[in-house]
C-alpha atoms as a PDB file:
ATOM      1  CA  UNK A   1       5.385  15.448  -2.930  1.00  0.00           C
ATOM      2  CA  UNK A   2       4.996  11.976  -4.444  1.00  0.00           C
ATOM      3  CA  UNK A   3       1.724  10.040  -4.772  1.00  0.00           C
ATOM      4  CA  UNK A   4       1.900   6.223  -4.830  1.00  0.00           C
ATOM      5  CA  UNK A   5      -1.208   4.584  -6.286  1.00  0.00           C
ATOM      6  CA  UNK A   6      -1.669   0.812  -6.230  1.00  0.00           C
ATOM      7  CA  UNK A   7      -4.817  -0.913  -7.464  1.00  0.00           C
ATOM      8  CA  UNK A   8      -5.636  -4.606  -7.172  1.00  0.00           C
ATOM      9  CA  UNK A   9      -8.241  -7.284  -6.530  1.00  0.00           C
ATOM     10  CA  UNK A  10      -8.299  -9.584  -3.515  1.00  0.00           C
ATOM     11  CA  UNK A  11      -6.991 -13.109  -3.918  1.00  0.00           C
ATOM     12  CA  UNK A  12      -9.385 -16.038  -3.806  1.00  0.00           C
ATOM     13  CA  UNK A  13      -9.765 -17.114  -0.200  1.00  0.00           C
ATOM     14  CA  UNK A  14      -9.063 -13.642   1.210  1.00  0.00           C
ATOM     15  CA  UNK A  15     -12.196 -12.131   2.627  1.00  0.00           C
ATOM     16  CA  UNK A  16     -12.677  -8.439   3.153  1.00  0.00           C
ATOM     17  CA  UNK A  17     -12.334  -8.592   6.950  1.00  0.00           C
ATOM     18  CA  UNK A  18      -9.010 -10.445   6.701  1.00  0.00           C
ATOM     19  CA  UNK A  19      -7.712  -7.921   4.222  1.00  0.00           C
ATOM     20  CA  UNK A  20      -8.863  -4.926   6.268  1.00  0.00           C
ATOM     21  CA  UNK A  21      -7.044  -6.365   9.289  1.00  0.00           C
ATOM     22  CA  UNK A  22      -3.851  -6.584   7.215  1.00  0.00           C
ATOM     23  CA  UNK A  23      -4.422  -3.071   5.917  1.00  0.00           C
ATOM     24  CA  UNK A  24      -4.775  -1.763   9.501  1.00  0.00           C
ATOM     25  CA  UNK A  25      -1.534  -3.482  10.454  1.00  0.00           C
ATOM     26  CA  UNK A  26       0.220  -1.871   7.456  1.00  0.00           C
ATOM     27  CA  UNK A  27      -1.192   1.482   8.536  1.00  0.00           C
ATOM     28  CA  UNK A  28      -0.197   1.137  12.194  1.00  0.00           C
ATOM     29  CA  UNK A  29       3.003  -0.929  12.030  1.00  0.00           C
ATOM     30  CA  UNK A  30       4.736  -0.131   8.744  1.00  0.00           C
ATOM     31  CA  UNK A  31       4.199   3.494   7.767  1.00  0.00           C
ATOM     32  CA  UNK A  32       3.937   5.557  10.967  1.00  0.00           C
ATOM     33  CA  UNK A  33       7.069   7.507  11.782  1.00  0.00           C
ATOM     34  CA  UNK A  34       8.670   6.672   8.413  1.00  0.00           C
ATOM     35  CA  UNK A  35      10.774   9.451   6.960  1.00  0.00           C
ATOM     36  CA  UNK A  36       8.661  11.378   4.483  1.00  0.00           C
ATOM     37  CA  UNK A  37       5.386   9.557   5.129  1.00  0.00           C
ATOM     38  CA  UNK A  38       2.481  11.996   4.821  1.00  0.00           C
ATOM     39  CA  UNK A  39      -0.789  10.073   4.473  1.00  0.00           C
ATOM     40  CA  UNK A  40      -2.261   6.778   3.291  1.00  0.00           C
ATOM     41  CA  UNK A  41      -5.808   5.728   2.447  1.00  0.00           C
ATOM     42  CA  UNK A  42      -7.473   2.581   1.145  1.00  0.00           C
ATOM     43  CA  UNK A  43     -10.658   2.508  -0.929  1.00  0.00           C
ATOM     44  CA  UNK A  44     -12.767  -0.047  -2.787  1.00  0.00           C
ATOM     45  CA  UNK A  45     -15.584  -0.345  -5.281  1.00  0.00           C
ATOM     46  CA  UNK A  46     -17.109  -3.381  -6.976  1.00  0.00           C
ATOM     47  CA  UNK A  47     -14.272  -5.727  -6.021  1.00  0.00           C
ATOM     48  CA  UNK A  48     -11.513  -3.319  -7.061  1.00  0.00           C
ATOM     49  CA  UNK A  49      -9.251  -1.869  -4.379  1.00  0.00           C
ATOM     50  CA  UNK A  50      -6.834   1.050  -4.359  1.00  0.00           C
ATOM     51  CA  UNK A  51      -4.259   2.270  -1.871  1.00  0.00           C
ATOM     52  CA  UNK A  52      -3.003   5.840  -2.185  1.00  0.00           C
ATOM     53  CA  UNK A  53       0.065   6.885  -0.199  1.00  0.00           C
ATOM     54  CA  UNK A  54       1.617  10.340  -0.085  1.00  0.00           C
ATOM     55  CA  UNK A  55       5.361  10.676   0.455  1.00  0.00           C
ATOM     56  CA  UNK A  56       7.460  13.821   0.809  1.00  0.00           C
ATOM     57  CA  UNK A  57       9.971  12.607  -1.791  1.00  0.00           C
ATOM     58  CA  UNK A  58      10.631   9.795  -4.234  1.00  0.00           C
ATOM     59  CA  UNK A  59      13.605   8.783  -2.093  1.00  0.00           C
ATOM     60  CA  UNK A  60      11.309   8.315   0.917  1.00  0.00           C
ATOM     61  CA  UNK A  61       8.981   6.051  -1.080  1.00  0.00           C
ATOM     62  CA  UNK A  62      11.887   4.000  -2.438  1.00  0.00           C
ATOM     63  CA  UNK A  63      13.459   3.683   1.023  1.00  0.00           C
ATOM     64  CA  UNK A  64      10.160   2.418   2.444  1.00  0.00           C
ATOM     65  CA  UNK A  65       9.932  -0.267  -0.258  1.00  0.00           C
ATOM     66  CA  UNK A  66      13.492  -1.374   0.375  1.00  0.00           C
ATOM     67  CA  UNK A  67      13.314  -1.281   4.179  1.00  0.00           C
ATOM     68  CA  UNK A  68      10.072  -3.288   4.391  1.00  0.00           C
ATOM     69  CA  UNK A  69      10.738  -5.834   1.636  1.00  0.00           C
ATOM     70  CA  UNK A  70      11.047  -8.766   4.066  1.00  0.00           C
ATOM     71  CA  UNK A  71       8.461  -7.625   6.599  1.00  0.00           C
ATOM     72  CA  UNK A  72       5.830 -10.224   7.567  1.00  0.00           C
ATOM     73  CA  UNK A  73       2.961  -7.729   7.379  1.00  0.00           C
ATOM     74  CA  UNK A  74       4.010  -6.640   3.909  1.00  0.00           C
ATOM     75  CA  UNK A  75       4.340 -10.240   2.691  1.00  0.00           C
ATOM     76  CA  UNK A  76       0.886 -11.147   4.040  1.00  0.00           C
ATOM     77  CA  UNK A  77      -0.658  -7.995   2.535  1.00  0.00           C
ATOM     78  CA  UNK A  78       0.865  -8.746  -0.861  1.00  0.00           C
ATOM     79  CA  UNK A  79      -0.226 -12.404  -0.705  1.00  0.00           C
ATOM     80  CA  UNK A  80      -3.814 -11.247  -0.153  1.00  0.00           C
ATOM     81  CA  UNK A  81      -3.885  -9.683  -3.635  1.00  0.00           C
ATOM     82  CA  UNK A  82      -4.231 -11.310  -7.047  1.00  0.00           C
ATOM     83  CA  UNK A  83      -0.696 -10.827  -8.457  1.00  0.00           C
ATOM     84  CA  UNK A  84      -1.818 -10.222 -12.024  1.00  0.00           C
ATOM     85  CA  UNK A  85      -4.284  -7.565 -10.880  1.00  0.00           C
ATOM     86  CA  UNK A  86      -1.738  -5.329  -9.156  1.00  0.00           C
ATOM     87  CA  UNK A  87      -1.062  -2.030 -10.917  1.00  0.00           C
ATOM     88  CA  UNK A  88       1.293   0.450  -9.285  1.00  0.00           C
ATOM     89  CA  UNK A  89       2.274   3.941 -10.349  1.00  0.00           C
ATOM     90  CA  UNK A  90       4.021   6.884  -8.766  1.00  0.00           C
ATOM     91  CA  UNK A  91       3.195  10.497  -9.574  1.00  0.00           C
ATOM     92  CA  UNK A  92       4.644  13.888  -8.704  1.00  0.00           C
ATOM     93  CA  UNK A  93       2.213  16.452  -7.352  1.00  0.00           C
ATOM     94  CA  UNK A  94       1.887  19.780  -9.123  1.00  0.00           C
ATOM     95  CA  UNK A  95       1.755  21.992  -6.047  1.00  0.00           C
END
């Protein structure tokens, strides 16, 4: 299993409610029924946000990135983040 972790801060002008609406759309429109999608959760503390997504394989995670690159929901979600604050990493689980 592969764990995708992305941390970021919200862009100026993006309020929490707007972002949470985008996050819900990502959760309901982009990832359901994707090959290898297992689970996704979003969390926040003190202005810092993190999204953790579990994928069955690295190939599933890469395919998702490629297949959704031009999606309107994805573009809006990404625009709601401060670009220089985004940190993404992918990890392999140990079990």
